[in-house]
Protein backbone atom coordinates (compact mmCIF):
# COMPACT_ATOMS: atom_id res chain seq x y z
CA UNK A 1 -35.63 10.02 -11.65
CA UNK A 2 -35.97 10.27 -15.42
CA UNK A 3 -36.13 7.37 -17.84
CA UNK A 4 -32.41 7.58 -18.67
CA UNK A 5 -31.39 7.27 -15.01
CA UNK A 6 -30.63 10.94 -14.41
CA UNK A 7 -31.68 12.25 -11.03
CA UNK A 8 -33.34 15.68 -10.70
CA UNK A 9 -30.67 18.37 -10.88
CA UNK A 10 -27.96 15.90 -11.88
CA UNK A 11 -26.41 17.33 -15.02
CA UNK A 12 -22.71 16.60 -14.50
CA UNK A 13 -21.90 13.43 -16.51
CA UNK A 14 -18.94 12.56 -14.27
CA UNK A 15 -21.08 12.76 -11.12
CA UNK A 16 -23.72 10.68 -12.85
CA UNK A 17 -21.17 8.05 -13.89
CA UNK A 18 -19.82 7.64 -10.36
CA UNK A 19 -23.34 7.52 -8.91
CA UNK A 20 -24.38 4.85 -11.42
CA UNK A 21 -21.29 2.79 -10.59
CA UNK A 22 -22.08 2.98 -6.87
CA UNK A 23 -25.69 1.94 -7.40
CA UNK A 24 -24.63 -0.94 -9.64
CA UNK A 25 -22.02 -2.17 -7.14
CA UNK A 26 -24.63 -2.20 -4.40
CA UNK A 27 -27.11 -4.12 -6.57
CA UNK A 28 -24.53 -6.74 -7.48
CA UNK A 29 -23.39 -7.14 -3.86
CA UNK A 30 -26.97 -7.52 -2.63
CA UNK A 31 -27.71 -10.00 -5.42
CA UNK A 32 -24.68 -12.12 -4.50
CA UNK A 33 -25.49 -12.04 -0.79
CA UNK A 34 -28.92 -13.60 -1.48
CA UNK A 35 -27.75 -16.41 -3.76
CA UNK A 36 -26.30 -19.62 -2.41
CA UNK A 37 -24.25 -22.44 -3.85
CA UNK A 38 -23.64 -25.69 -1.93
CA UNK A 39 -25.18 -24.10 1.15
CA UNK A 40 -22.91 -21.02 1.20
CA UNK A 41 -23.51 -17.45 0.06
CA UNK A 42 -21.87 -16.58 -3.25
CA UNK A 43 -20.45 -13.55 -1.46
CA UNK A 44 -18.21 -16.01 0.43
CA UNK A 45 -16.61 -17.20 -2.82
CA UNK A 46 -13.00 -15.88 -2.59
CA UNK A 47 -12.67 -15.04 -6.29
CA UNK A 48 -16.00 -13.23 -6.53
CA UNK A 49 -15.59 -11.37 -3.24
CA UNK A 50 -12.08 -10.18 -4.12
CA UNK A 51 -13.26 -8.84 -7.48
CA UNK A 52 -16.17 -7.13 -5.80
CA UNK A 53 -13.83 -5.60 -3.23
CA UNK A 54 -11.55 -4.41 -6.04
CA UNK A 55 -14.61 -2.76 -7.61
CA UNK A 56 -15.17 -0.94 -4.33
CA UNK A 57 -11.58 0.34 -4.46
CA UNK A 58 -12.22 1.69 -7.98
CA UNK A 59 -15.41 3.38 -6.76
CA UNK A 60 -13.73 4.95 -3.72
CA UNK A 61 -10.94 6.29 -5.96
CA UNK A 62 -13.46 7.79 -8.40
CA UNK A 63 -15.32 9.41 -5.51
CA UNK A 64 -12.03 10.84 -4.23
CA UNK A 65 -11.37 12.31 -7.68
CA UNK A 66 -14.74 14.06 -7.66
CA UNK A 67 -14.05 15.41 -4.18
CA UNK A 68 -10.74 16.94 -5.26
CA UNK A 69 -10.84 20.69 -5.61
CA UNK A 70 -11.20 21.63 -9.30
CA UNK A 71 -8.24 23.22 -11.02
CA UNK A 72 -8.27 26.62 -12.66
CA UNK A 73 -7.22 25.26 -16.05
CA UNK A 74 -10.31 24.18 -18.06
CA UNK A 75 -8.34 21.42 -19.82
CA UNK A 76 -7.09 20.08 -16.48
CA UNK A 77 -10.62 20.20 -15.07
CA UNK A 78 -11.97 18.28 -18.07
CA UNK A 79 -9.27 15.65 -17.62
CA UNK A 80 -10.13 15.36 -13.90
CA UNK A 81 -13.71 14.51 -14.86
CA UNK A 82 -12.43 12.00 -17.41
CA UNK A 83 -10.40 10.32 -14.64
CA UNK A 84 -13.57 10.03 -12.51
CA UNK A 85 -15.51 8.49 -15.42
CA UNK A 86 -12.64 6.07 -16.07
CA UNK A 87 -12.76 4.88 -12.44
CA UNK A 88 -16.53 4.49 -12.54
CA UNK A 89 -16.28 2.40 -15.71
CA UNK A 90 -13.59 0.20 -14.12
CA UNK A 91 -15.88 -0.40 -11.13
CA UNK A 92 -18.79 -1.42 -13.36
CA UNK A 93 -16.60 -3.67 -15.51
CA UNK A 94 -15.40 -5.55 -12.42
CA UNK A 95 -19.01 -5.97 -11.32
CA UNK A 96 -19.86 -7.38 -14.75
CA UNK A 97 -16.97 -9.85 -14.34
CA UNK A 98 -18.46 -10.91 -11.01
CA UNK A 99 -21.76 -11.71 -12.75
CA UNK A 100 -19.94 -13.69 -15.41
CA UNK A 101 -18.02 -15.57 -12.73
CA UNK A 102 -21.27 -16.42 -10.99
CA UNK A 103 -22.51 -17.99 -14.23
CA UNK A 104 -25.39 -15.62 -14.95
CA UNK A 105 -26.18 -12.90 -17.41
CA UNK A 106 -25.43 -9.35 -16.38
CA UNK A 107 -28.75 -7.88 -15.14
CA UNK A 108 -27.66 -4.42 -16.35
CA UNK A 109 -25.90 -5.07 -19.67
CA UNK A 110 -25.99 -1.43 -20.73
CA UNK A 111 -24.26 -0.07 -17.63
CA UNK A 112 -20.71 -0.46 -18.89
CA UNK A 113 -21.56 0.98 -22.30
CA UNK A 114 -23.49 3.82 -20.70
CA UNK A 115 -20.48 4.92 -18.67
CA UNK A 116 -17.62 3.95 -20.92
CA UNK A 117 -19.02 5.28 -24.20
CA UNK A 118 -22.00 7.64 -23.99
CA UNK A 119 -20.75 9.49 -20.91
CA UNK A 120 -17.10 9.28 -21.89
CA UNK A 121 -17.95 10.80 -25.27
CA UNK A 122 -18.61 14.07 -23.47
CA UNK A 123 -15.06 14.05 -22.11
CA UNK A 124 -12.09 15.42 -24.06
CA UNK A 125 -10.18 12.99 -26.27
CA UNK A 126 -7.23 11.18 -24.75
CA UNK A 127 -4.83 13.95 -23.97
CA UNK A 128 -1.32 14.09 -22.57
CA UNK A 129 -0.77 12.88 -19.01
CA UNK A 130 0.56 16.30 -18.05
CA UNK A 131 -2.93 17.83 -18.24
CA UNK A 132 -3.98 16.60 -14.82
CA UNK A 133 -1.66 14.23 -12.95
CA UNK A 134 -3.86 14.27 -9.87
CA UNK A 135 -3.11 16.23 -6.68
CA UNK A 136 0.49 17.47 -6.73
CA UNK A 137 3.06 15.14 -5.22
CA UNK A 138 4.88 16.47 -2.18
CA UNK A 139 8.13 16.94 -4.10
CA UNK A 140 8.29 20.72 -3.72
CA UNK A 141 8.80 22.84 -0.63
CA UNK A 142 11.33 23.26 2.16
CA UNK A 143 11.05 19.70 3.47
CA UNK A 144 11.48 18.10 0.04
CA UNK A 145 14.44 20.37 -0.81
CA UNK A 146 16.12 19.55 2.50
CA UNK A 147 15.60 15.82 1.98
CA UNK A 148 17.08 15.94 -1.53
CA UNK A 149 20.11 17.83 -0.21
CA UNK A 150 20.60 15.22 2.52
CA UNK A 151 20.36 12.38 0.01
CA UNK A 152 22.76 13.91 -2.53
CA UNK A 153 25.13 14.83 0.29
CA UNK A 154 25.56 11.17 1.27
CA UNK A 155 28.08 9.72 -1.17
CA UNK A 156 27.53 6.08 -2.18
CA UNK A 157 29.78 3.57 -0.45
CA UNK A 158 29.49 0.09 1.06
CA UNK A 159 25.79 -0.65 1.23
CA UNK A 160 25.28 -0.76 5.01
CA UNK A 161 27.41 2.32 5.56
CA UNK A 162 25.59 4.22 2.83
CA UNK A 163 22.16 3.31 4.25
CA UNK A 164 23.29 4.40 7.73
CA UNK A 165 24.41 7.74 6.28
CA UNK A 166 21.09 8.17 4.46
CA UNK A 167 19.14 7.43 7.65
CA UNK A 168 21.18 9.96 9.63
CA UNK A 169 20.85 12.60 6.89
CA UNK A 170 17.10 12.20 6.56
CA UNK A 171 16.73 12.21 10.36
CA UNK A 172 18.44 15.61 10.59
CA UNK A 173 15.87 17.06 8.17
CA UNK A 174 12.79 15.15 9.42
CA UNK A 175 13.14 13.66 12.93
CA UNK A 176 11.13 10.45 12.87
CA UNK A 177 9.91 10.82 16.46
CA UNK A 178 8.09 14.08 15.66
CA UNK A 179 7.25 13.70 11.96
CA UNK A 180 3.54 13.70 11.11
CA UNK A 181 2.11 10.98 8.90
CA UNK A 182 1.94 13.43 6.00
CA UNK A 183 5.61 14.36 6.49
CA UNK A 184 6.52 10.68 6.56
CA UNK A 185 4.71 10.21 3.25
CA UNK A 186 6.74 13.12 1.86
CA UNK A 187 9.94 11.35 2.91
CA UNK A 188 8.77 8.19 1.16
CA UNK A 189 8.00 10.05 -2.07
CA UNK A 190 11.32 11.95 -2.15
CA UNK A 191 13.31 8.77 -1.47
CA UNK A 192 11.43 6.90 -4.20
CA UNK A 193 12.04 9.73 -6.66
CA UNK A 194 15.75 10.02 -5.78
CA UNK A 195 17.00 6.48 -5.13
CA UNK A 196 16.76 2.98 -6.57
CA UNK A 197 13.93 0.89 -5.14
CA UNK A 198 16.08 -1.20 -2.79
CA UNK A 199 17.87 1.51 -0.78
CA UNK A 200 14.71 3.65 -0.70
CA UNK A 201 12.68 0.74 0.71
CA UNK A 202 15.45 -0.07 3.22
CA UNK A 203 15.52 3.47 4.62
CA UNK A 204 11.72 3.72 4.78
CA UNK A 205 11.35 0.33 6.47
CA UNK A 206 13.89 1.39 9.09
CA UNK A 207 12.03 4.66 9.72
CA UNK A 208 8.67 2.90 9.87
CA UNK A 209 9.95 0.43 12.50
CA UNK A 210 11.40 3.28 14.56
CA UNK A 211 8.20 5.30 14.23
CA UNK A 212 5.80 2.48 15.09
CA UNK A 213 7.69 0.50 17.72
CA UNK A 214 10.42 2.68 19.31
CA UNK A 215 8.29 5.75 20.05
CA UNK A 216 5.07 6.07 22.02
CA UNK A 217 3.70 4.60 25.25
CA UNK A 218 4.01 0.94 24.25
CA UNK A 219 7.77 0.86 23.82
CA UNK A 220 9.96 -1.49 25.82
CA UNK A 221 11.68 -0.15 28.94
CA UNK A 222 15.03 -0.55 27.15
CA UNK A 223 13.79 1.44 24.14
CA UNK A 224 15.16 4.94 24.97
CA UNK A 225 18.72 3.78 24.35
CA UNK A 226 17.65 1.84 21.27
CA UNK A 227 15.76 4.85 19.92
CA UNK A 228 18.76 7.18 19.95
CA UNK A 229 20.99 4.64 18.19
CA UNK A 230 18.32 3.85 15.58
CA UNK A 231 17.48 7.49 14.81
CA UNK A 232 21.11 8.29 14.06
CA UNK A 233 21.63 5.19 11.92
CA UNK A 234 24.14 3.72 14.37
CA UNK A 235 21.78 0.76 14.75
CA UNK A 236 19.86 -0.60 11.76
CA UNK A 237 16.49 -2.04 12.79
CA UNK A 238 14.09 -4.48 11.14
CA UNK A 239 10.80 -6.17 12.00
CA UNK A 240 10.36 -9.95 11.62
CA UNK A 241 6.80 -11.17 11.17
CA UNK A 242 6.62 -13.21 7.94
CA UNK A 243 7.27 -16.96 8.26
CA UNK A 244 8.08 -19.61 5.61
CA UNK A 245 4.77 -21.48 5.86
CA UNK A 246 2.21 -18.95 7.10
CA UNK A 247 3.48 -15.72 5.51
CA UNK A 248 2.18 -12.69 7.41
CA UNK A 249 -0.86 -14.54 8.78
CA UNK A 250 -0.52 -13.94 12.52
CA UNK A 251 -3.00 -16.69 13.35
CA UNK A 252 -0.65 -19.26 11.78
CA UNK A 253 2.54 -17.97 13.43
CA UNK A 254 4.79 -20.74 14.77
CA UNK A 255 7.53 -18.71 16.47
CA UNK A 256 7.15 -19.23 20.21
CA UNK A 257 8.27 -17.41 23.35
CA UNK A 258 8.60 -19.81 26.26
CA UNK A 259 9.61 -19.09 29.83
CA UNK A 260 8.36 -17.51 33.05
CA UNK A 261 9.20 -14.81 35.57
CA UNK A 262 10.24 -12.31 32.91
CA UNK A 263 12.82 -14.60 31.31
CA UNK A 264 11.87 -16.07 27.99
CA UNK A 265 13.45 -17.79 25.01
CA UNK A 266 12.49 -17.51 21.36
CA UNK A 267 12.26 -20.39 18.91
CA UNK A 268 11.20 -20.01 15.28
CA UNK A 269 12.06 -18.93 11.75
CA UNK A 270 11.29 -15.61 10.03
CA UNK A 271 11.78 -15.04 6.31
CA UNK A 272 12.01 -12.15 3.86
CA UNK A 273 12.92 -9.76 6.66
CA UNK A 274 13.54 -6.39 4.98
CA UNK A 275 16.98 -5.17 6.04
CA UNK A 276 17.55 -8.38 7.98
CA UNK A 277 20.84 -9.16 6.25
CA UNK A 278 22.64 -6.23 7.87
CA UNK A 279 20.43 -5.14 10.78
CA UNK A 280 21.73 -4.70 14.31
CA UNK A 281 18.35 -5.02 16.05
CA UNK A 282 15.23 -6.89 15.03
CA UNK A 283 11.72 -6.68 16.47
CA UNK A 284 10.39 -10.25 16.49
CA UNK A 285 6.73 -11.24 16.64
CA UNK A 286 6.01 -14.48 18.52
CA UNK A 287 3.23 -16.35 20.28
CA UNK A 288 3.25 -16.65 24.06
CA UNK A 289 0.48 -19.07 24.92
CA UNK A 290 -2.61 -17.43 23.34
CA UNK A 291 -1.30 -13.91 22.75
CA UNK A 292 1.07 -12.19 20.33
CA UNK A 293 4.17 -10.59 21.82
CA UNK A 294 6.90 -8.39 20.36
CA UNK A 295 10.49 -8.24 21.53
CA UNK A 296 13.78 -6.61 20.56
CA UNK A 297 16.66 -8.98 19.78
CA UNK A 298 20.28 -8.15 19.00
CA UNK A 299 20.83 -9.71 15.58
CA UNK A 300 24.24 -11.07 16.66
CA UNK A 301 22.94 -12.63 19.87
CA UNK A 302 23.66 -16.29 20.66
CA UNK A 303 20.88 -18.42 19.24
CA UNK A 304 20.33 -16.14 16.20
CA UNK A 305 21.46 -17.11 12.71
CA UNK A 306 20.69 -15.38 9.45
CA UNK A 307 20.91 -16.16 5.77
CA UNK A 308 20.79 -13.54 3.04
CA UNK A 309 18.03 -14.22 0.49
CA UNK A 310 18.64 -13.40 -3.18
CA UNK A 311 15.75 -11.65 -4.86
CA UNK A 312 15.12 -9.65 -8.01
CA UNK A 313 12.77 -7.39 -6.06
CA UNK A 314 14.32 -4.33 -4.45
CA UNK A 315 17.98 -5.05 -5.09
CA UNK A 316 19.90 -3.80 -2.05
CA UNK A 317 17.04 -4.02 0.42
CA UNK A 318 18.80 -6.81 2.33
CA UNK A 319 16.21 -9.60 2.51
CA UNK A 320 17.18 -12.32 4.99
CA UNK A 321 15.90 -15.40 6.77
CA UNK A 322 16.41 -15.30 10.53
CA UNK A 323 16.39 -18.41 12.72
CA UNK A 324 15.97 -18.21 16.51
CA UNK A 325 16.92 -21.19 18.66
CA UNK A 326 16.59 -20.60 22.40
CA UNK A 327 17.33 -16.89 21.96
CA UNK A 328 16.97 -15.00 25.28
CA UNK A 329 14.30 -12.27 25.42
CA UNK A 330 14.24 -10.56 28.84
CA UNK A 331 11.17 -8.66 30.01
CA UNK A 332 12.76 -5.23 29.57
CA UNK A 333 13.22 -5.91 25.84
CA UNK A 334 9.53 -6.67 25.23
CA UNK A 335 7.04 -4.25 23.71
CA UNK A 336 4.47 -3.33 26.33
CA UNK A 337 0.81 -4.07 25.74
CA UNK A 338 -0.77 -6.47 23.26
CA UNK A 339 1.48 -7.29 20.34
CA UNK A 340 -1.36 -7.86 17.89
CA UNK A 341 -2.69 -4.33 18.46
CA UNK A 342 0.77 -2.82 18.03
CA UNK A 343 1.35 -4.74 14.79
CA UNK A 344 -1.99 -3.73 13.30
CA UNK A 345 -1.41 -0.07 14.23
CA UNK A 346 2.01 -0.18 12.62
CA UNK A 347 0.57 -1.94 9.59
CA UNK A 348 -1.75 1.00 8.83
CA UNK A 349 1.25 3.34 8.68
CA UNK A 350 3.28 0.83 6.68
CA UNK A 351 0.55 0.48 4.06
CA UNK A 352 0.19 4.20 3.50
CA UNK A 353 3.95 4.73 3.30
CA UNK A 354 4.37 1.84 0.86
CA UNK A 355 1.46 3.20 -1.20
CA UNK A 356 3.09 6.63 -1.51
CA UNK A 357 6.46 5.02 -2.19
CA UNK A 358 5.13 2.91 -5.06
CA UNK A 359 3.05 5.77 -6.47
CA UNK A 360 6.17 7.95 -6.68
CA UNK A 361 7.98 5.16 -8.56
CA UNK A 362 5.00 4.79 -10.91
CA UNK A 363 4.89 8.52 -11.62
CA UNK A 364 8.59 8.50 -12.46
CA UNK A 365 8.36 5.42 -14.72
CA UNK A 366 5.23 6.59 -16.51
CA UNK A 367 7.33 9.07 -18.49
CA UNK A 368 9.07 6.13 -20.23
CA UNK A 369 5.81 4.82 -21.72
CA UNK A 370 5.00 5.69 -25.34
CA UNK A 371 2.31 8.38 -25.55
CA UNK A 372 -0.40 6.15 -27.14
CA UNK A 373 -0.34 3.75 -24.18
CA UNK A 374 0.11 6.29 -21.43
CA UNK A 375 -3.36 7.77 -20.98
CA UNK A 376 -5.18 4.86 -19.36
CA UNK A 377 -2.56 4.00 -16.69
CA UNK A 378 -2.06 7.74 -16.10
CA UNK A 379 -5.74 8.08 -15.22
CA UNK A 380 -5.53 5.16 -12.83
CA UNK A 381 -2.44 6.74 -11.26
CA UNK A 382 -4.23 10.07 -10.82
CA UNK A 383 -7.21 8.32 -9.20
CA UNK A 384 -4.93 6.41 -6.82
CA UNK A 385 -3.21 9.67 -5.87
CA UNK A 386 -6.61 11.22 -5.08
CA UNK A 387 -7.52 8.25 -2.90
CA UNK A 388 -4.23 8.57 -1.00
CA UNK A 389 -4.78 12.30 -0.46
CA UNK A 390 -8.37 11.79 0.71
CA UNK A 391 -7.24 9.13 3.19
CA UNK A 392 -4.45 11.29 4.58
CA UNK A 393 -6.86 14.22 4.98
CA UNK A 394 -9.79 12.29 6.46
CA UNK A 395 -10.27 10.53 9.77
CA UNK A 396 -8.41 13.31 11.65
CA UNK A 397 -5.12 12.06 10.28
CA UNK A 398 -5.64 8.57 11.75
CA UNK A 399 -6.87 6.32 8.91
CA UNK A 400 -8.28 2.89 9.69
CA UNK A 401 -7.20 -0.48 8.33
CA UNK A 402 -9.87 -0.58 5.62
CA UNK A 403 -8.92 2.83 4.21
CA UNK A 404 -5.17 2.10 4.34
CA UNK A 405 -5.68 -1.29 2.72
CA UNK A 406 -7.66 0.11 -0.19
CA UNK A 407 -5.13 2.90 -0.77
CA UNK A 408 -2.30 0.39 -0.80
CA UNK A 409 -4.11 -1.84 -3.26
CA UNK A 410 -4.87 1.05 -5.63
CA UNK A 411 -1.37 2.54 -5.54
CA UNK A 412 0.61 -0.69 -5.69
CA UNK A 413 -1.59 -2.14 -8.43
CA UNK A 414 -1.08 0.85 -10.73
CA UNK A 415 2.65 0.84 -9.95
CA UNK A 416 2.87 -2.81 -11.01
CA UNK A 417 0.91 -2.07 -14.19
CA UNK A 418 3.03 0.94 -15.16
CA UNK A 419 6.30 -0.82 -14.39
CA UNK A 420 5.35 -3.93 -16.40
CA UNK A 421 4.33 -1.75 -19.37
CA UNK A 422 7.64 0.14 -19.09
CA UNK A 423 9.59 -3.12 -19.16
CA UNK A 424 7.74 -4.24 -22.29
CA UNK A 425 8.33 -0.88 -23.98
CA UNK A 426 12.04 -0.52 -23.18
CA UNK A 427 13.42 -4.08 -22.96
CA UNK A 428 15.92 -4.71 -25.72
CA UNK A 429 16.44 -1.05 -26.60
CA UNK A 430 19.97 0.39 -26.51
CA UNK A 431 20.69 1.97 -23.18
CA UNK A 432 18.00 -0.01 -21.37
CA UNK A 433 19.47 -3.36 -20.24
CA UNK A 434 16.72 -5.78 -19.34
CA UNK A 435 18.18 -6.73 -15.93
CA UNK A 436 17.40 -3.47 -14.06
CA UNK A 437 14.04 -3.22 -15.83
CA UNK A 438 13.09 -6.70 -14.66
CA UNK A 439 14.32 -5.89 -11.15
CA UNK A 440 12.01 -2.86 -11.04
CA UNK A 441 9.10 -4.93 -12.32
CA UNK A 442 9.74 -7.67 -9.77
CA UNK A 443 9.78 -5.08 -6.98
CA UNK A 444 6.55 -3.47 -8.15
CA UNK A 445 4.79 -6.82 -8.40
CA UNK A 446 6.07 -7.83 -4.96
CA UNK A 447 4.79 -4.58 -3.45
CA UNK A 448 1.36 -5.28 -4.91
CA UNK A 449 1.11 -8.47 -2.85
CA UNK A 450 3.27 -7.61 0.18
CA UNK A 451 1.43 -8.00 3.44
CA UNK A 452 -1.35 -10.10 1.92
CA UNK A 453 -2.79 -7.24 -0.15
CA UNK A 454 -4.57 -9.54 -2.59
CA UNK A 455 -6.39 -11.39 0.18
CA UNK A 456 -6.27 -9.65 3.54
CA UNK A 457 -6.65 -6.06 2.35
CA UNK A 458 -9.44 -6.82 -0.07
CA UNK A 459 -11.18 -8.93 2.55
CA UNK A 460 -11.22 -5.80 4.71
CA UNK A 461 -12.73 -3.88 1.80
CA UNK A 462 -15.19 -6.76 1.46
CA UNK A 463 -16.32 -6.04 5.00
CA UNK A 464 -17.19 -2.54 3.86
CA UNK A 465 -19.27 -4.08 1.08
CA UNK A 466 -21.26 -6.01 3.67
CA UNK A 467 -21.85 -2.73 5.53
CA UNK A 468 -22.91 -1.15 2.25
CA UNK A 469 -25.47 -3.90 1.71
CA UNK A 470 -26.82 -3.55 5.25
CA UNK A 471 -27.12 0.23 4.85
CA UNK A 472 -29.02 -0.05 1.58
CA UNK A 473 -31.31 -2.72 2.96
CA UNK A 474 -31.97 -0.51 5.94
CA UNK A 475 -33.09 2.26 3.61
CA UNK A 476 -35.76 -0.03 2.14
CA UNK A 477 -36.84 -1.68 5.39
């Protein structure tokens, strides 16, 4: 290695920037793991560990950008490299913040300047977003055209009836029981590009519940009849996990299933159930002694009450609070197998679909930003798109929780940033009433934190950091 940090044969400044960011992240993580405060490792500090995990997300996105096949257009290729450098610089800046938060001087004070300025100087000046928007969105092709035709062919009407029609129309084009994960992501992107946030989220949540819990070997014995009704939109379905006090933390869940010999009764409260205000069937997560169980409940059953919840986020999504008091749950309505495993498997799919959904909204809203402020969020958007594509392509089409969590964080975070900037740019202008703008912003911010992204997802990424430390230490053992 030369005195300026260049490795033999390493002449590409973008490759060098990403490599430097990775080395710096590892050094900071190892440094934190060896320092202690009040008897605990600094790596256990929630603020520092979350920022470090966010740096890992930036690094993974930059690596995904470099792995993307170069375009034929020289200007687009130069912009792709600029996007990689931008991600590397973001990673290093987060690491520098971690050092500042730990109350010490940055041991590599030139790293940010090296990447952000000297290397970035070799990149083209800030150009238009259209140069390289990242891998193409799945908004062209036979499937996308068929989905758009189904959506435009469903005339708006009463909300529940309109959503049922949308579900049936989309099902005819892309049957949920046979759709691949990539096809399901295409559905999410087309819906997000064609509909307001609320109805799009409602339809996708319904499809995700059908996909994850009404198909496959773990479905309840009563599921075949439920599946046909749900696929055609004759039965709207929802999943109820979140609770008023514990959120989506399954370890703190208070809803209980009590009973023996296959007869059980549910007691508990679920809140912010997407589509819960008008659903016909709801999959409820509960604790039965020491295990998590899932069961299908008719929303109008005795012992079930629901209250619509007003929210600025996703107007029309039908948030509701559901209360269960002695609600019967027979054995044939229970999801087979371990409920925790089923929920975590479904959560991986949900995170990727929500990531694609929010990224499509961000791409659409980016066009409303003034040109001077568009370049930086556009580069973050392109990097997030690359990370999504890499995750869908890798792991034989079956991503793990860590990968899905990082993709969701990257995509939802840039969507929140773009939407907030759009609100600031357009609020108060003629033709742009602030109400819908604020609704969009509230939805984007809510997506960024839905499912515990800020804590749970980045804690998963933090686990990868620990593996990174162990691997590097193994190299020097």
